[in-house]
Amino acid sequence: MRRLLLNGCVWALAVLSATACTIPPAPGSSAALPAQVLPADARALVYGRTISEVIQSPELRDKISGLFGADWMPASQGRGQVALGAAAFLEKGGPLRMVSIAGKDYVAVTGCVANACPTRRVLVLIGEGGSPLLARLDDGAIPHYYAFGSGGVAPPANASTIVDAGLRALQSVGDAYP
């Protein structure tokens, strides 16, 4: 009798566990956004071939500093929340890639603080035409999200879920950060 009761409890627990794992992701969550890394093409290099060229390109220079706002410069200068400033996270860059997220294509630019790549890194997504710009800056354990729109293109309300989906896609091919 005990064995039957024990087997019944184990079976019920297994069924309950299996059904708990099939709950669909919340609408708008990063798990719900389809994302993939696209084959390299000329669109990935439209603003330059390196991270330095991209952030200095005439089309993006002001937009990128506008994207990070007060966090662009070090917090020691009395502004922002990022101690080193976002500009420091673009010292060392990875390969420029194209990612498609929920049917929209972005140039993906990755970078990091040269002597702290494992913990201080950034992903910038550049929409077609240079807007919107979306970013995730990982400052140790603290992620910061940014969104910037220009030329009549407003940044999406779900910028963090878009950036996280792009990061997941890059990580899936082992190409997330330098």
C-alpha atoms as a PDB file:
ATOM      1  CA  MET A   1       0.000   0.000   0.000  1.00  0.00           C
ATOM      2  CA  ARG A   2       2.823   2.394   0.863  1.00  0.00           C
ATOM      3  CA  ARG A   3       4.518   1.677  -2.434  1.00  0.00           C
ATOM      4  CA  LEU A   4       1.304   2.465  -4.340  1.00  0.00           C
ATOM      5  CA  LEU A   5       0.841   5.706  -2.419  1.00  0.00           C
ATOM      6  CA  LEU A   6       4.486   6.708  -2.966  1.00  0.00           C
ATOM      7  CA  ASN A   7       4.294   5.928  -6.698  1.00  0.00           C
ATOM      8  CA  GLY A   8       1.084   7.956  -6.948  1.00  0.00           C
ATOM      9  CA  CYS A   9       2.682  10.964  -5.243  1.00  0.00           C
ATOM     10  CA  VAL A  10       5.777  10.781  -7.453  1.00  0.00           C
ATOM     11  CA  TRP A  11       3.589  10.530 -10.571  1.00  0.00           C
ATOM     12  CA  ALA A  12       1.442  13.500  -9.480  1.00  0.00           C
ATOM     13  CA  LEU A  13       4.562  15.573  -8.781  1.00  0.00           C
ATOM     14  CA  ALA A  14       5.991  14.705 -12.208  1.00  0.00           C
ATOM     15  CA  VAL A  15       2.758  15.743 -13.962  1.00  0.00           C
ATOM     16  CA  LEU A  16       2.574  18.973 -11.971  1.00  0.00           C
ATOM     17  CA  SER A  17       6.209  19.803 -12.753  1.00  0.00           C
ATOM     18  CA  ALA A  18       5.761  19.116 -16.458  1.00  0.00           C
ATOM     19  CA  THR A  19       2.722  21.362 -16.736  1.00  0.00           C
ATOM     20  CA  ALA A  20       4.407  24.149 -14.775  1.00  0.00           C
ATOM     21  CA  CYS A  21       7.183  24.290 -17.382  1.00  0.00           C
ATOM     22  CA  THR A  22       4.769  24.868 -20.254  1.00  0.00           C
ATOM     23  CA  ILE A  23       3.511  28.290 -19.212  1.00  0.00           C
ATOM     24  CA  PRO A  24       4.019  30.625 -22.183  1.00  0.00           C
ATOM     25  CA  PRO A  25       6.217  33.715 -21.715  1.00  0.00           C
ATOM     26  CA  ALA A  26       4.517  36.986 -20.901  1.00  0.00           C
ATOM     27  CA  PRO A  27       3.680  39.088 -23.968  1.00  0.00           C
ATOM     28  CA  GLY A  28       6.485  41.547 -24.644  1.00  0.00           C
ATOM     29  CA  SER A  29       9.044  39.625 -22.607  1.00  0.00           C
ATOM     30  CA  SER A  30      12.474  39.090 -24.155  1.00  0.00           C
ATOM     31  CA  ALA A  31      11.724  35.364 -24.372  1.00  0.00           C
ATOM     32  CA  ALA A  32       8.733  36.169 -26.591  1.00  0.00           C
ATOM     33  CA  LEU A  33      10.752  38.230 -29.093  1.00  0.00           C
ATOM     34  CA  PRO A  34      12.256  36.176 -31.890  1.00  0.00           C
ATOM     35  CA  ALA A  35      15.841  37.216 -32.571  1.00  0.00           C
ATOM     36  CA  GLN A  36      18.627  35.907 -34.751  1.00  0.00           C
ATOM     37  CA  VAL A  37      22.071  36.903 -35.935  1.00  0.00           C
ATOM     38  CA  LEU A  38      22.032  37.570 -39.663  1.00  0.00           C
ATOM     39  CA  PRO A  39      24.808  36.721 -42.115  1.00  0.00           C
ATOM     40  CA  ALA A  40      27.358  39.538 -42.340  1.00  0.00           C
ATOM     41  CA  ASP A  41      26.662  42.047 -45.077  1.00  0.00           C
ATOM     42  CA  ALA A  42      27.457  45.659 -45.976  1.00  0.00           C
ATOM     43  CA  ARG A  43      24.702  47.005 -43.695  1.00  0.00           C
ATOM     44  CA  ALA A  44      26.756  46.054 -40.625  1.00  0.00           C
ATOM     45  CA  LEU A  45      29.582  48.312 -41.816  1.00  0.00           C
ATOM     46  CA  VAL A  46      27.529  51.312 -42.942  1.00  0.00           C
ATOM     47  CA  TYR A  47      28.827  53.470 -40.032  1.00  0.00           C
ATOM     48  CA  GLY A  48      32.356  52.060 -39.966  1.00  0.00           C
ATOM     49  CA  ARG A  49      34.397  48.886 -39.645  1.00  0.00           C
ATOM     50  CA  THR A  50      35.378  49.294 -35.981  1.00  0.00           C
ATOM     51  CA  ILE A  51      33.727  50.524 -32.814  1.00  0.00           C
ATOM     52  CA  SER A  52      35.875  53.686 -32.952  1.00  0.00           C
ATOM     53  CA  GLU A  53      34.726  54.458 -36.488  1.00  0.00           C
ATOM     54  CA  VAL A  54      31.080  53.881 -35.527  1.00  0.00           C
ATOM     55  CA  ILE A  55      31.084  56.211 -32.511  1.00  0.00           C
ATOM     56  CA  GLN A  56      32.974  58.881 -34.486  1.00  0.00           C
ATOM     57  CA  SER A  57      30.849  58.626 -37.633  1.00  0.00           C
ATOM     58  CA  PRO A  58      29.196  61.944 -38.495  1.00  0.00           C
ATOM     59  CA  GLU A  59      25.763  60.268 -38.579  1.00  0.00           C
ATOM     60  CA  LEU A  60      26.041  58.785 -35.067  1.00  0.00           C
ATOM     61  CA  ARG A  61      28.513  60.842 -33.004  1.00  0.00           C
ATOM     62  CA  ASP A  62      25.901  63.106 -31.387  1.00  0.00           C
ATOM     63  CA  LYS A  63      23.239  60.397 -31.265  1.00  0.00           C
ATOM     64  CA  ILE A  64      25.431  57.984 -29.294  1.00  0.00           C
ATOM     65  CA  SER A  65      26.349  60.548 -26.668  1.00  0.00           C
ATOM     66  CA  GLY A  66      22.648  61.527 -26.597  1.00  0.00           C
ATOM     67  CA  LEU A  67      21.688  57.875 -26.125  1.00  0.00           C
ATOM     68  CA  PHE A  68      23.676  57.643 -22.886  1.00  0.00           C
ATOM     69  CA  GLY A  69      22.855  61.187 -21.779  1.00  0.00           C
ATOM     70  CA  ALA A  70      24.323  62.069 -18.370  1.00  0.00           C
ATOM     71  CA  ASP A  71      25.979  58.634 -18.186  1.00  0.00           C
ATOM     72  CA  TRP A  72      28.232  59.419 -21.183  1.00  0.00           C
ATOM     73  CA  MET A  73      30.832  61.132 -18.974  1.00  0.00           C
ATOM     74  CA  PRO A  74      32.217  59.729 -15.675  1.00  0.00           C
ATOM     75  CA  ALA A  75      30.039  60.171 -12.597  1.00  0.00           C
ATOM     76  CA  SER A  76      32.981  61.905 -10.912  1.00  0.00           C
ATOM     77  CA  GLN A  77      32.168  64.908 -13.089  1.00  0.00           C
ATOM     78  CA  GLY A  78      28.949  65.315 -11.111  1.00  0.00           C
ATOM     79  CA  ARG A  79      26.573  63.672 -13.576  1.00  0.00           C
ATOM     80  CA  GLY A  80      25.259  60.232 -14.316  1.00  0.00           C
ATOM     81  CA  GLN A  81      25.129  56.908 -12.518  1.00  0.00           C
ATOM     82  CA  VAL A  82      27.959  55.059 -14.263  1.00  0.00           C
ATOM     83  CA  ALA A  83      31.245  55.617 -12.418  1.00  0.00           C
ATOM     84  CA  LEU A  84      33.489  55.307 -15.488  1.00  0.00           C
ATOM     85  CA  GLY A  85      31.056  56.883 -17.934  1.00  0.00           C
ATOM     86  CA  ALA A  86      29.574  55.049 -20.912  1.00  0.00           C
ATOM     87  CA  ALA A  87      32.329  56.256 -23.249  1.00  0.00           C
ATOM     88  CA  ALA A  88      34.809  54.010 -21.390  1.00  0.00           C
ATOM     89  CA  PHE A  89      32.679  50.961 -22.249  1.00  0.00           C
ATOM     90  CA  LEU A  90      33.439  51.559 -25.924  1.00  0.00           C
ATOM     91  CA  GLU A  91      37.247  51.327 -25.553  1.00  0.00           C
ATOM     92  CA  LYS A  92      37.493  47.796 -26.938  1.00  0.00           C
ATOM     93  CA  GLY A  93      35.077  46.566 -29.568  1.00  0.00           C
ATOM     94  CA  GLY A  94      33.925  43.258 -30.906  1.00  0.00           C
ATOM     95  CA  PRO A  95      32.837  42.433 -34.441  1.00  0.00           C
ATOM     96  CA  LEU A  96      30.005  44.476 -35.926  1.00  0.00           C
ATOM     97  CA  ARG A  97      27.026  42.238 -36.651  1.00  0.00           C
ATOM     98  CA  MET A  98      23.478  42.389 -37.924  1.00  0.00           C
ATOM     99  CA  VAL A  99      20.661  41.052 -35.768  1.00  0.00           C
ATOM    100  CA  SER A 100      16.999  40.716 -36.572  1.00  0.00           C
ATOM    101  CA  ILE A 101      14.661  41.166 -33.623  1.00  0.00           C
ATOM    102  CA  ALA A 102      10.916  40.766 -34.061  1.00  0.00           C
ATOM    103  CA  GLY A 103      11.313  41.361 -37.795  1.00  0.00           C
ATOM    104  CA  LYS A 104      13.431  44.545 -37.511  1.00  0.00           C
ATOM    105  CA  ASP A 105      17.102  44.638 -38.402  1.00  0.00           C
ATOM    106  CA  TYR A 106      19.743  46.339 -36.256  1.00  0.00           C
ATOM    107  CA  VAL A 107      23.490  46.856 -36.460  1.00  0.00           C
ATOM    108  CA  ALA A 108      24.855  45.309 -33.249  1.00  0.00           C
ATOM    109  CA  VAL A 109      27.933  46.999 -31.761  1.00  0.00           C
ATOM    110  CA  THR A 110      29.573  45.422 -28.723  1.00  0.00           C
ATOM    111  CA  GLY A 111      32.249  46.892 -26.535  1.00  0.00           C
ATOM    112  CA  CYS A 112      33.832  46.785 -23.118  1.00  0.00           C
ATOM    113  CA  VAL A 113      36.202  48.551 -20.768  1.00  0.00           C
ATOM    114  CA  ALA A 114      39.581  47.290 -21.985  1.00  0.00           C
ATOM    115  CA  ASN A 115      40.798  45.937 -18.653  1.00  0.00           C
ATOM    116  CA  ALA A 116      37.399  44.669 -17.411  1.00  0.00           C
ATOM    117  CA  CYS A 117      35.611  43.000 -20.344  1.00  0.00           C
ATOM    118  CA  PRO A 118      33.957  40.210 -18.323  1.00  0.00           C
ATOM    119  CA  THR A 119      32.047  42.638 -16.090  1.00  0.00           C
ATOM    120  CA  ARG A 120      31.929  46.037 -17.817  1.00  0.00           C
ATOM    121  CA  ARG A 121      30.452  45.754 -21.291  1.00  0.00           C
ATOM    122  CA  VAL A 122      27.927  47.322 -23.603  1.00  0.00           C
ATOM    123  CA  LEU A 123      25.678  46.330 -26.489  1.00  0.00           C
ATOM    124  CA  VAL A 124      24.370  49.076 -28.771  1.00  0.00           C
ATOM    125  CA  LEU A 125      21.701  48.331 -31.367  1.00  0.00           C
ATOM    126  CA  ILE A 126      21.400  50.793 -34.244  1.00  0.00           C
ATOM    127  CA  GLY A 127      18.143  50.795 -36.196  1.00  0.00           C
ATOM    128  CA  GLU A 128      18.021  51.288 -39.951  1.00  0.00           C
ATOM    129  CA  GLY A 129      18.784  54.891 -40.845  1.00  0.00           C
ATOM    130  CA  GLY A 130      20.542  55.418 -37.513  1.00  0.00           C
ATOM    131  CA  SER A 131      17.414  55.528 -35.378  1.00  0.00           C
ATOM    132  CA  PRO A 132      16.375  54.277 -32.936  1.00  0.00           C
ATOM    133  CA  LEU A 133      19.450  53.555 -30.850  1.00  0.00           C
ATOM    134  CA  LEU A 134      19.069  51.059 -27.999  1.00  0.00           C
ATOM    135  CA  ALA A 135      21.680  49.920 -25.502  1.00  0.00           C
ATOM    136  CA  ARG A 136      22.414  47.752 -22.518  1.00  0.00           C
ATOM    137  CA  LEU A 137      25.419  48.692 -20.406  1.00  0.00           C
ATOM    138  CA  ASP A 138      26.518  46.107 -17.827  1.00  0.00           C
ATOM    139  CA  ASP A 139      28.401  47.839 -15.023  1.00  0.00           C
ATOM    140  CA  GLY A 140      29.342  44.879 -12.854  1.00  0.00           C
ATOM    141  CA  ALA A 141      26.091  43.249 -11.761  1.00  0.00           C
ATOM    142  CA  ILE A 142      24.004  46.300 -12.655  1.00  0.00           C
ATOM    143  CA  PRO A 143      22.495  46.506 -16.160  1.00  0.00           C
ATOM    144  CA  HIS A 144      21.496  49.957 -17.427  1.00  0.00           C
ATOM    145  CA  TYR A 145      19.162  50.321 -20.424  1.00  0.00           C
ATOM    146  CA  TYR A 146      19.031  53.259 -22.822  1.00  0.00           C
ATOM    147  CA  ALA A 147      16.850  54.287 -25.768  1.00  0.00           C
ATOM    148  CA  PHE A 148      17.154  57.229 -28.155  1.00  0.00           C
ATOM    149  CA  GLY A 149      15.125  58.240 -31.168  1.00  0.00           C
ATOM    150  CA  SER A 150      15.716  60.965 -33.728  1.00  0.00           C
ATOM    151  CA  GLY A 151      14.394  62.155 -37.057  1.00  0.00           C
ATOM    152  CA  GLY A 152      10.799  61.509 -36.039  1.00  0.00           C
ATOM    153  CA  VAL A 153      11.548  57.928 -34.987  1.00  0.00           C
ATOM    154  CA  ALA A 154      10.618  57.422 -31.342  1.00  0.00           C
ATOM    155  CA  PRO A 155      12.422  54.749 -29.339  1.00  0.00           C
ATOM    156  CA  PRO A 156      10.257  51.705 -28.640  1.00  0.00           C
ATOM    157  CA  ALA A 157       8.634  51.407 -25.226  1.00  0.00           C
ATOM    158  CA  ASN A 158      10.015  47.867 -24.823  1.00  0.00           C
ATOM    159  CA  ALA A 159      13.658  48.822 -25.485  1.00  0.00           C
ATOM    160  CA  SER A 160      15.040  46.601 -22.722  1.00  0.00           C
ATOM    161  CA  THR A 161      13.275  43.501 -24.060  1.00  0.00           C
ATOM    162  CA  ILE A 162      14.563  44.241 -27.568  1.00  0.00           C
ATOM    163  CA  VAL A 163      18.161  44.663 -26.379  1.00  0.00           C
ATOM    164  CA  ASP A 164      17.965  41.532 -24.227  1.00  0.00           C
ATOM    165  CA  ALA A 165      16.641  39.557 -27.210  1.00  0.00           C
ATOM    166  CA  GLY A 166      19.540  40.842 -29.330  1.00  0.00           C
ATOM    167  CA  LEU A 167      22.027  39.899 -26.622  1.00  0.00           C
ATOM    168  CA  ARG A 168      20.513  36.400 -26.401  1.00  0.00           C
ATOM    169  CA  ALA A 169      20.873  35.983 -30.177  1.00  0.00           C
ATOM    170  CA  LEU A 170      24.533  37.065 -30.088  1.00  0.00           C
ATOM    171  CA  GLN A 171      25.237  34.770 -27.135  1.00  0.00           C
ATOM    172  CA  SER A 172      23.660  31.851 -29.008  1.00  0.00           C
ATOM    173  CA  VAL A 173      26.385  32.102 -31.657  1.00  0.00           C
ATOM    174  CA  GLY A 174      29.130  32.808 -29.106  1.00  0.00           C
ATOM    175  CA  ASP A 175      29.616  36.373 -30.320  1.00  0.00           C
ATOM    176  CA  ALA A 176      28.196  38.575 -27.580  1.00  0.00           C
ATOM    177  CA  TYR A 177      31.207  40.579 -26.390  1.00  0.00           C
ATOM    178  CA  PRO A 178      34.867  41.127 -27.267  1.00  0.00           C
END
